Amino acid sequence: MVEERLPDKAFPVSWDQFHRDCRALAWRLSGAGPFDAVIAITRGGLVPSAIVARELDVRVIDTICIVSYDKFKQLDNLSVLKDVDPRFLDQAEQGKLLIVDDLVDTGKTAELVRKRLPGAHFATVYAKPKGRPLVDTYVTEVSQDTWIYFPWDLGYSFQPPIRG
């Protein structure tokens, strides 16, 4: 049996912090639009898409559902479980479509989505160096070897000190 190993660097994000970071993303995007629709990359992009869409007064949200991780490991081959509605393709080409995800890591997911929706504006809350060149707008950069623990992944429990 292979033992799953957690990453060495952890970056836990609370609900309050995530909401602030999503609003900061919307603030940065406010000059880039207007956008007719938001495409959330699920599952991580669902919450930031809702917050950004609210802040930018965008009423149309669709999803593209991609499996790219299993536990703490990024998969070699991505699976598209649900593609974006084809009627949004014209909006992407016109720059009226906003793609939102929680994080760009290696850029594999971003690459796949960019091929499907060329011309769309791609925004993430967090960005790692390998994937950062693939997004147009982001809020916070973290190191490539850091694992971000999103609030929906966390429960309240004791956290050991970094050095102990």
N, C-alpha and C. Protein backbone atom coordinates (compact mmCIF):
# COMPACT_ATOMS: atom_id res chain seq x y z
N MET A 1 0.85 -1.18 0.00
CA MET A 1 0.00 0.00 0.00
C MET A 1 0.89 1.25 0.00
N VAL A 2 0.60 2.18 -0.90
CA VAL A 2 1.37 3.42 -0.99
C VAL A 2 0.82 4.42 0.01
N GLU A 3 1.70 4.99 0.81
CA GLU A 3 1.29 5.97 1.80
C GLU A 3 1.23 7.35 1.15
N GLU A 4 0.10 8.06 1.32
CA GLU A 4 -0.04 9.42 0.81
C GLU A 4 0.74 10.36 1.72
N ARG A 5 1.59 11.18 1.12
CA ARG A 5 2.41 12.10 1.90
C ARG A 5 1.90 13.51 1.68
N LEU A 6 1.67 14.23 2.76
CA LEU A 6 1.23 15.61 2.67
C LEU A 6 2.40 16.50 2.30
N PRO A 7 2.13 17.58 1.57
CA PRO A 7 3.20 18.52 1.21
C PRO A 7 3.85 19.13 2.45
N ASP A 8 5.12 19.54 2.30
CA ASP A 8 5.86 20.11 3.41
C ASP A 8 5.35 21.49 3.83
N LYS A 9 5.00 22.31 2.86
CA LYS A 9 4.54 23.67 3.16
C LYS A 9 3.03 23.73 3.05
N ALA A 10 2.41 24.23 4.10
CA ALA A 10 0.95 24.33 4.12
C ALA A 10 0.54 25.79 4.23
N PHE A 11 -0.51 26.15 3.51
CA PHE A 11 -1.07 27.49 3.53
C PHE A 11 -2.57 27.36 3.78
N PRO A 12 -2.99 27.30 5.05
CA PRO A 12 -4.42 27.19 5.34
C PRO A 12 -5.11 28.55 5.15
N VAL A 13 -6.26 28.51 4.49
CA VAL A 13 -7.02 29.73 4.21
C VAL A 13 -8.38 29.62 4.88
N SER A 14 -8.71 30.60 5.72
CA SER A 14 -10.02 30.61 6.40
C SER A 14 -11.10 31.12 5.45
N TRP A 15 -12.36 30.93 5.83
CA TRP A 15 -13.46 31.46 5.04
C TRP A 15 -13.36 32.97 4.92
N ASP A 16 -13.05 33.64 6.01
CA ASP A 16 -12.94 35.11 5.98
C ASP A 16 -11.84 35.56 5.02
N GLN A 17 -10.69 34.92 5.12
CA GLN A 17 -9.58 35.29 4.24
C GLN A 17 -9.91 35.01 2.78
N PHE A 18 -10.53 33.87 2.53
CA PHE A 18 -10.87 33.52 1.15
C PHE A 18 -11.87 34.52 0.57
N HIS A 19 -12.84 34.91 1.38
CA HIS A 19 -13.83 35.89 0.91
C HIS A 19 -13.14 37.23 0.60
N ARG A 20 -12.24 37.66 1.47
CA ARG A 20 -11.48 38.90 1.21
C ARG A 20 -10.66 38.79 -0.07
N ASP A 21 -10.00 37.64 -0.26
CA ASP A 21 -9.18 37.44 -1.46
C ASP A 21 -10.04 37.41 -2.73
N CYS A 22 -11.22 36.81 -2.66
CA CYS A 22 -12.12 36.78 -3.81
C CYS A 22 -12.62 38.19 -4.14
N ARG A 23 -12.91 38.98 -3.12
CA ARG A 23 -13.33 40.37 -3.36
C ARG A 23 -12.17 41.19 -3.94
N ALA A 24 -10.95 40.90 -3.50
CA ALA A 24 -9.78 41.58 -4.07
C ALA A 24 -9.63 41.20 -5.54
N LEU A 25 -9.90 39.94 -5.87
CA LEU A 25 -9.86 39.52 -7.27
C LEU A 25 -10.91 40.29 -8.08
N ALA A 26 -12.11 40.41 -7.54
CA ALA A 26 -13.17 41.15 -8.24
C ALA A 26 -12.77 42.61 -8.43
N TRP A 27 -12.13 43.18 -7.44
CA TRP A 27 -11.66 44.57 -7.54
C TRP A 27 -10.68 44.71 -8.71
N ARG A 28 -9.75 43.78 -8.81
CA ARG A 28 -8.78 43.82 -9.91
C ARG A 28 -9.46 43.61 -11.26
N LEU A 29 -10.51 42.83 -11.28
CA LEU A 29 -11.21 42.53 -12.53
C LEU A 29 -12.18 43.64 -12.94
N SER A 30 -12.52 44.51 -12.03
CA SER A 30 -13.55 45.52 -12.32
C SER A 30 -13.20 46.40 -13.50
N GLY A 31 -11.94 46.61 -13.78
CA GLY A 31 -11.55 47.41 -14.93
C GLY A 31 -11.35 46.59 -16.20
N ALA A 32 -11.41 45.28 -16.10
CA ALA A 32 -11.13 44.42 -17.25
C ALA A 32 -12.37 44.10 -18.07
N GLY A 33 -13.54 44.21 -17.50
CA GLY A 33 -14.78 43.82 -18.17
C GLY A 33 -15.28 44.89 -19.11
N PRO A 34 -16.57 44.93 -19.31
CA PRO A 34 -17.57 44.10 -18.64
C PRO A 34 -17.62 42.68 -19.21
N PHE A 35 -18.05 41.77 -18.35
CA PHE A 35 -18.17 40.37 -18.75
C PHE A 35 -19.65 40.01 -18.81
N ASP A 36 -20.02 39.20 -19.81
CA ASP A 36 -21.41 38.75 -19.95
C ASP A 36 -21.69 37.50 -19.13
N ALA A 37 -20.64 36.72 -18.87
CA ALA A 37 -20.82 35.46 -18.15
C ALA A 37 -19.52 35.07 -17.46
N VAL A 38 -19.67 34.24 -16.42
CA VAL A 38 -18.54 33.68 -15.69
C VAL A 38 -18.58 32.17 -15.88
N ILE A 39 -17.42 31.60 -16.15
CA ILE A 39 -17.29 30.14 -16.23
C ILE A 39 -16.47 29.70 -15.02
N ALA A 40 -17.07 28.91 -14.16
CA ALA A 40 -16.38 28.38 -12.98
C ALA A 40 -15.74 27.05 -13.35
N ILE A 41 -14.46 26.89 -13.00
CA ILE A 41 -13.81 25.60 -13.15
C ILE A 41 -14.07 24.84 -11.86
N THR A 42 -14.81 23.75 -11.96
CA THR A 42 -15.18 23.04 -10.75
C THR A 42 -14.14 21.96 -10.43
N ARG A 43 -14.09 21.79 -9.09
CA ARG A 43 -14.99 22.28 -8.08
C ARG A 43 -14.45 23.54 -7.43
N GLY A 44 -13.15 23.73 -7.43
CA GLY A 44 -12.54 24.84 -6.70
C GLY A 44 -12.99 26.21 -7.13
N GLY A 45 -13.40 26.38 -8.37
CA GLY A 45 -13.80 27.69 -8.85
C GLY A 45 -15.23 28.08 -8.55
N LEU A 46 -16.02 27.18 -7.94
CA LEU A 46 -17.43 27.48 -7.67
C LEU A 46 -17.61 28.65 -6.70
N VAL A 47 -16.95 28.58 -5.56
CA VAL A 47 -17.12 29.63 -4.55
C VAL A 47 -16.56 30.97 -5.04
N PRO A 48 -15.32 31.02 -5.55
CA PRO A 48 -14.85 32.33 -6.02
C PRO A 48 -15.67 32.88 -7.18
N SER A 49 -16.21 32.02 -8.04
CA SER A 49 -17.05 32.49 -9.14
C SER A 49 -18.31 33.17 -8.63
N ALA A 50 -18.92 32.59 -7.62
CA ALA A 50 -20.13 33.20 -7.06
C ALA A 50 -19.82 34.57 -6.46
N ILE A 51 -18.72 34.68 -5.75
CA ILE A 51 -18.35 35.95 -5.13
C ILE A 51 -17.99 36.99 -6.19
N VAL A 52 -17.18 36.61 -7.15
CA VAL A 52 -16.77 37.53 -8.21
C VAL A 52 -17.98 37.96 -9.04
N ALA A 53 -18.85 37.01 -9.40
CA ALA A 53 -20.04 37.35 -10.18
C ALA A 53 -20.92 38.33 -9.43
N ARG A 54 -21.07 38.15 -8.14
CA ARG A 54 -21.87 39.09 -7.34
C ARG A 54 -21.25 40.47 -7.37
N GLU A 55 -19.94 40.53 -7.13
CA GLU A 55 -19.26 41.82 -7.06
C GLU A 55 -19.26 42.56 -8.40
N LEU A 56 -19.23 41.81 -9.51
CA LEU A 56 -19.19 42.43 -10.83
C LEU A 56 -20.57 42.51 -11.48
N ASP A 57 -21.60 42.08 -10.74
CA ASP A 57 -22.98 42.10 -11.21
C ASP A 57 -23.16 41.30 -12.49
N VAL A 58 -22.57 40.10 -12.52
CA VAL A 58 -22.74 39.17 -13.64
C VAL A 58 -23.74 38.11 -13.18
N ARG A 59 -24.80 37.94 -13.95
CA ARG A 59 -25.88 37.02 -13.55
C ARG A 59 -25.76 35.62 -14.15
N VAL A 60 -24.94 35.46 -15.17
CA VAL A 60 -24.85 34.16 -15.84
C VAL A 60 -23.55 33.47 -15.43
N ILE A 61 -23.72 32.27 -14.86
CA ILE A 61 -22.57 31.45 -14.46
C ILE A 61 -22.76 30.05 -15.03
N ASP A 62 -21.72 29.56 -15.71
CA ASP A 62 -21.72 28.19 -16.20
C ASP A 62 -20.50 27.50 -15.59
N THR A 63 -20.39 26.21 -15.83
CA THR A 63 -19.24 25.47 -15.30
C THR A 63 -18.58 24.64 -16.37
N ILE A 64 -17.30 24.40 -16.16
CA ILE A 64 -16.59 23.35 -16.86
C ILE A 64 -16.03 22.46 -15.75
N CYS A 65 -16.36 21.20 -15.79
CA CYS A 65 -16.03 20.28 -14.70
C CYS A 65 -14.86 19.40 -15.12
N ILE A 66 -13.74 19.60 -14.42
CA ILE A 66 -12.49 18.91 -14.76
C ILE A 66 -11.93 18.21 -13.53
N VAL A 67 -11.52 16.96 -13.70
CA VAL A 67 -10.84 16.24 -12.63
C VAL A 67 -9.35 16.33 -12.91
N SER A 68 -8.62 16.96 -11.98
CA SER A 68 -7.17 17.12 -12.19
C SER A 68 -6.35 16.63 -11.00
N TYR A 69 -7.01 16.38 -9.86
CA TYR A 69 -6.30 15.91 -8.66
C TYR A 69 -6.98 14.67 -8.10
N ASP A 70 -6.18 13.83 -7.47
CA ASP A 70 -6.69 12.71 -6.69
C ASP A 70 -5.94 12.74 -5.37
N LYS A 71 -6.64 13.04 -4.32
CA LYS A 71 -6.04 13.27 -3.00
C LYS A 71 -5.08 14.45 -3.13
N PHE A 72 -3.81 14.28 -2.88
CA PHE A 72 -2.85 15.39 -2.94
C PHE A 72 -1.95 15.32 -4.17
N LYS A 73 -2.36 14.54 -5.16
CA LYS A 73 -1.52 14.32 -6.34
C LYS A 73 -2.23 14.82 -7.59
N GLN A 74 -1.49 15.60 -8.39
CA GLN A 74 -2.06 16.04 -9.66
C GLN A 74 -1.98 14.89 -10.65
N LEU A 75 -3.06 14.67 -11.37
CA LEU A 75 -3.14 13.57 -12.33
C LEU A 75 -2.41 13.93 -13.62
N ASP A 76 -1.87 12.92 -14.28
CA ASP A 76 -1.20 13.13 -15.56
C ASP A 76 -2.21 13.47 -16.66
N ASN A 77 -3.34 12.77 -16.64
CA ASN A 77 -4.38 12.98 -17.65
C ASN A 77 -5.61 13.61 -17.00
N LEU A 78 -6.04 14.73 -17.53
CA LEU A 78 -7.21 15.41 -17.01
C LEU A 78 -8.47 14.83 -17.64
N SER A 79 -9.55 14.83 -16.90
CA SER A 79 -10.84 14.37 -17.40
C SER A 79 -11.83 15.52 -17.39
N VAL A 80 -12.46 15.77 -18.53
CA VAL A 80 -13.52 16.77 -18.59
C VAL A 80 -14.83 16.02 -18.40
N LEU A 81 -15.47 16.25 -17.26
CA LEU A 81 -16.73 15.57 -16.94
C LEU A 81 -17.93 16.31 -17.54
N LYS A 82 -17.81 17.64 -17.65
CA LYS A 82 -18.85 18.48 -18.25
C LYS A 82 -18.15 19.66 -18.91
N ASP A 83 -18.46 19.86 -20.18
CA ASP A 83 -17.86 20.98 -20.91
C ASP A 83 -18.74 22.21 -20.78
N VAL A 84 -18.17 23.35 -21.13
CA VAL A 84 -18.90 24.60 -21.10
C VAL A 84 -19.94 24.59 -22.23
N ASP A 85 -21.05 25.26 -22.01
CA ASP A 85 -22.10 25.37 -23.01
C ASP A 85 -21.54 26.04 -24.26
N PRO A 86 -21.74 25.46 -25.44
CA PRO A 86 -21.16 26.01 -26.67
C PRO A 86 -21.59 27.43 -27.00
N ARG A 87 -22.73 27.88 -26.48
CA ARG A 87 -23.17 29.24 -26.79
C ARG A 87 -22.24 30.30 -26.21
N PHE A 88 -21.34 29.90 -25.29
CA PHE A 88 -20.41 30.87 -24.72
C PHE A 88 -19.14 31.05 -25.55
N LEU A 89 -18.96 30.25 -26.58
CA LEU A 89 -17.75 30.32 -27.39
C LEU A 89 -17.59 31.69 -28.05
N ASP A 90 -18.67 32.26 -28.57
CA ASP A 90 -18.59 33.59 -29.19
C ASP A 90 -18.21 34.66 -28.17
N GLN A 91 -18.77 34.56 -26.97
CA GLN A 91 -18.45 35.54 -25.93
C GLN A 91 -16.98 35.46 -25.55
N ALA A 92 -16.42 34.25 -25.54
CA ALA A 92 -15.00 34.09 -25.21
C ALA A 92 -14.15 34.80 -26.25
N GLU A 93 -14.48 34.60 -27.53
CA GLU A 93 -13.71 35.22 -28.61
C GLU A 93 -13.80 36.74 -28.58
N GLN A 94 -14.90 37.27 -28.04
CA GLN A 94 -15.09 38.71 -27.96
C GLN A 94 -14.52 39.30 -26.66
N GLY A 95 -13.93 38.46 -25.81
CA GLY A 95 -13.39 38.93 -24.54
C GLY A 95 -14.44 39.26 -23.50
N LYS A 96 -15.65 38.72 -23.67
CA LYS A 96 -16.77 39.00 -22.76
C LYS A 96 -17.01 37.88 -21.75
N LEU A 97 -16.10 36.91 -21.73
CA LEU A 97 -16.25 35.75 -20.86
C LEU A 97 -15.14 35.73 -19.83
N LEU A 98 -15.49 35.48 -18.59
CA LEU A 98 -14.54 35.43 -17.49
C LEU A 98 -14.48 34.00 -16.95
N ILE A 99 -13.30 33.42 -16.94
CA ILE A 99 -13.08 32.09 -16.36
C ILE A 99 -12.50 32.30 -14.97
N VAL A 100 -13.05 31.60 -13.97
CA VAL A 100 -12.58 31.76 -12.59
C VAL A 100 -12.27 30.41 -11.97
N ASP A 101 -11.11 30.34 -11.32
CA ASP A 101 -10.73 29.15 -10.56
C ASP A 101 -10.11 29.60 -9.25
N ASP A 102 -10.02 28.69 -8.30
CA ASP A 102 -9.43 29.04 -7.01
C ASP A 102 -7.91 29.18 -7.13
N LEU A 103 -7.29 28.35 -7.98
CA LEU A 103 -5.84 28.24 -8.02
C LEU A 103 -5.37 27.81 -9.39
N VAL A 104 -4.25 28.35 -9.82
CA VAL A 104 -3.53 27.77 -10.96
C VAL A 104 -2.25 27.19 -10.38
N ASP A 105 -2.02 25.91 -10.62
CA ASP A 105 -0.87 25.20 -10.04
C ASP A 105 0.18 24.97 -11.13
N THR A 106 0.13 23.83 -11.78
CA THR A 106 1.10 23.56 -12.85
C THR A 106 0.67 24.18 -14.18
N GLY A 107 -0.60 24.52 -14.29
CA GLY A 107 -1.12 25.13 -15.50
C GLY A 107 -1.81 24.14 -16.44
N LYS A 108 -1.85 22.86 -16.08
CA LYS A 108 -2.48 21.87 -16.96
C LYS A 108 -3.96 22.16 -17.18
N THR A 109 -4.67 22.44 -16.11
CA THR A 109 -6.10 22.75 -16.24
C THR A 109 -6.29 24.05 -17.02
N ALA A 110 -5.50 25.05 -16.70
CA ALA A 110 -5.60 26.34 -17.40
C ALA A 110 -5.35 26.18 -18.90
N GLU A 111 -4.37 25.37 -19.25
CA GLU A 111 -4.06 25.13 -20.66
C GLU A 111 -5.25 24.51 -21.39
N LEU A 112 -5.85 23.50 -20.76
CA LEU A 112 -6.99 22.83 -21.35
C LEU A 112 -8.16 23.80 -21.55
N VAL A 113 -8.45 24.61 -20.54
CA VAL A 113 -9.57 25.55 -20.62
C VAL A 113 -9.28 26.66 -21.63
N ARG A 114 -8.05 27.13 -21.66
CA ARG A 114 -7.68 28.19 -22.63
C ARG A 114 -7.86 27.71 -24.07
N LYS A 115 -7.56 26.44 -24.33
CA LYS A 115 -7.76 25.89 -25.68
C LYS A 115 -9.23 25.88 -26.05
N ARG A 116 -10.09 25.59 -25.07
CA ARG A 116 -11.52 25.53 -25.33
C ARG A 116 -12.15 26.92 -25.45
N LEU A 117 -11.60 27.89 -24.72
CA LEU A 117 -12.19 29.23 -24.68
C LEU A 117 -11.14 30.31 -24.96
N PRO A 118 -10.57 30.30 -26.16
CA PRO A 118 -9.57 31.32 -26.47
C PRO A 118 -10.20 32.71 -26.46
N GLY A 119 -9.46 33.65 -25.93
CA GLY A 119 -9.96 35.02 -25.86
C GLY A 119 -10.64 35.36 -24.56
N ALA A 120 -11.01 34.35 -23.76
CA ALA A 120 -11.64 34.61 -22.47
C ALA A 120 -10.60 35.14 -21.49
N HIS A 121 -11.05 35.89 -20.51
CA HIS A 121 -10.17 36.41 -19.46
C HIS A 121 -10.11 35.36 -18.36
N PHE A 122 -8.91 34.94 -17.98
CA PHE A 122 -8.73 33.86 -17.01
C PHE A 122 -8.24 34.46 -15.69
N ALA A 123 -8.97 34.20 -14.61
CA ALA A 123 -8.63 34.76 -13.30
C ALA A 123 -8.63 33.67 -12.23
N THR A 124 -7.65 33.73 -11.33
CA THR A 124 -7.59 32.82 -10.20
C THR A 124 -7.30 33.62 -8.94
N VAL A 125 -7.70 33.08 -7.82
CA VAL A 125 -7.43 33.74 -6.55
C VAL A 125 -5.95 33.58 -6.21
N TYR A 126 -5.43 32.37 -6.35
CA TYR A 126 -4.04 32.08 -6.02
C TYR A 126 -3.32 31.54 -7.26
N ALA A 127 -2.02 31.78 -7.33
CA ALA A 127 -1.23 31.32 -8.47
C ALA A 127 0.12 30.80 -8.00
N LYS A 128 0.53 29.69 -8.58
CA LYS A 128 1.87 29.15 -8.36
C LYS A 128 2.71 29.49 -9.59
N PRO A 129 4.04 29.56 -9.44
CA PRO A 129 4.90 30.02 -10.54
C PRO A 129 4.73 29.29 -11.87
N LYS A 130 4.57 27.97 -11.85
CA LYS A 130 4.46 27.23 -13.12
C LYS A 130 3.21 27.62 -13.91
N GLY A 131 2.13 27.87 -13.22
CA GLY A 131 0.88 28.19 -13.90
C GLY A 131 0.59 29.66 -14.08
N ARG A 132 1.29 30.49 -13.34
CA ARG A 132 1.02 31.94 -13.34
C ARG A 132 1.00 32.57 -14.73
N PRO A 133 1.90 32.20 -15.65
CA PRO A 133 1.85 32.83 -16.99
C PRO A 133 0.56 32.56 -17.77
N LEU A 134 -0.21 31.56 -17.35
CA LEU A 134 -1.44 31.21 -18.08
C LEU A 134 -2.67 31.99 -17.63
N VAL A 135 -2.56 32.74 -16.54
CA VAL A 135 -3.72 33.50 -16.07
C VAL A 135 -3.50 34.99 -16.33
N ASP A 136 -4.61 35.68 -16.54
CA ASP A 136 -4.56 37.12 -16.79
C ASP A 136 -4.55 37.92 -15.50
N THR A 137 -5.28 37.43 -14.50
CA THR A 137 -5.42 38.16 -13.24
C THR A 137 -5.40 37.16 -12.08
N TYR A 138 -4.67 37.51 -11.02
CA TYR A 138 -4.68 36.71 -9.80
C TYR A 138 -4.43 37.65 -8.63
N VAL A 139 -4.60 37.14 -7.41
CA VAL A 139 -4.43 37.97 -6.22
C VAL A 139 -3.12 37.68 -5.51
N THR A 140 -2.85 36.42 -5.20
CA THR A 140 -1.70 36.05 -4.38
C THR A 140 -0.90 34.93 -5.02
N GLU A 141 0.42 35.10 -5.06
CA GLU A 141 1.29 34.04 -5.56
C GLU A 141 1.86 33.28 -4.37
N VAL A 142 1.86 31.96 -4.49
CA VAL A 142 2.47 31.10 -3.46
C VAL A 142 3.51 30.23 -4.15
N SER A 143 4.45 29.71 -3.38
CA SER A 143 5.52 28.88 -3.95
C SER A 143 4.95 27.58 -4.51
N GLN A 144 5.66 27.01 -5.46
CA GLN A 144 5.21 25.81 -6.13
C GLN A 144 5.06 24.63 -5.17
N ASP A 145 5.87 24.59 -4.12
CA ASP A 145 5.85 23.45 -3.19
C ASP A 145 4.91 23.66 -2.00
N THR A 146 4.01 24.62 -2.10
CA THR A 146 3.04 24.89 -1.04
C THR A 146 1.70 24.27 -1.39
N TRP A 147 1.08 23.63 -0.40
CA TRP A 147 -0.28 23.11 -0.59
C TRP A 147 -1.24 24.07 0.09
N ILE A 148 -2.21 24.57 -0.68
CA ILE A 148 -3.21 25.47 -0.12
C ILE A 148 -4.37 24.64 0.39
N TYR A 149 -4.68 24.83 1.66
CA TYR A 149 -5.83 24.18 2.27
C TYR A 149 -6.98 25.17 2.25
N PHE A 150 -7.95 24.93 1.38
CA PHE A 150 -9.09 25.82 1.25
C PHE A 150 -10.07 25.58 2.39
N PRO A 151 -10.89 26.58 2.70
CA PRO A 151 -11.77 26.46 3.87
C PRO A 151 -12.72 25.28 3.80
N TRP A 152 -13.12 24.88 2.60
CA TRP A 152 -14.03 23.74 2.49
C TRP A 152 -13.33 22.41 2.74
N ASP A 153 -11.98 22.44 2.83
CA ASP A 153 -11.20 21.24 3.12
C ASP A 153 -10.84 21.12 4.60
N LEU A 154 -11.15 22.15 5.38
CA LEU A 154 -10.65 22.23 6.75
C LEU A 154 -11.74 22.07 7.79
N GLY A 155 -11.33 21.63 8.96
CA GLY A 155 -12.18 21.63 10.14
C GLY A 155 -11.40 22.30 11.25
N TYR A 156 -12.07 22.61 12.32
CA TYR A 156 -11.37 23.24 13.44
C TYR A 156 -10.62 22.19 14.24
N SER A 157 -9.32 22.31 14.30
CA SER A 157 -8.51 21.39 15.09
C SER A 157 -7.17 22.05 15.40
N PHE A 158 -6.43 21.43 16.32
CA PHE A 158 -5.12 21.92 16.70
C PHE A 158 -4.19 21.87 15.49
N GLN A 159 -3.39 22.91 15.34
CA GLN A 159 -2.37 22.95 14.30
C GLN A 159 -1.00 23.03 14.97
N PRO A 160 -0.10 22.08 14.66
CA PRO A 160 1.22 22.13 15.28
C PRO A 160 2.01 23.36 14.78
N PRO A 161 2.91 23.89 15.59
CA PRO A 161 3.72 25.03 15.14
C PRO A 161 4.62 24.63 13.97
N ILE A 162 5.02 25.62 13.18
CA ILE A 162 5.89 25.37 12.04
C ILE A 162 7.19 24.76 12.50
N ARG A 163 7.78 25.35 13.53
CA ARG A 163 8.99 24.79 14.14
C ARG A 163 8.62 24.31 15.53
N GLY A 164 8.94 23.10 15.81
CA GLY A 164 8.55 22.63 17.12
C GLY A 164 9.36 21.54 17.57
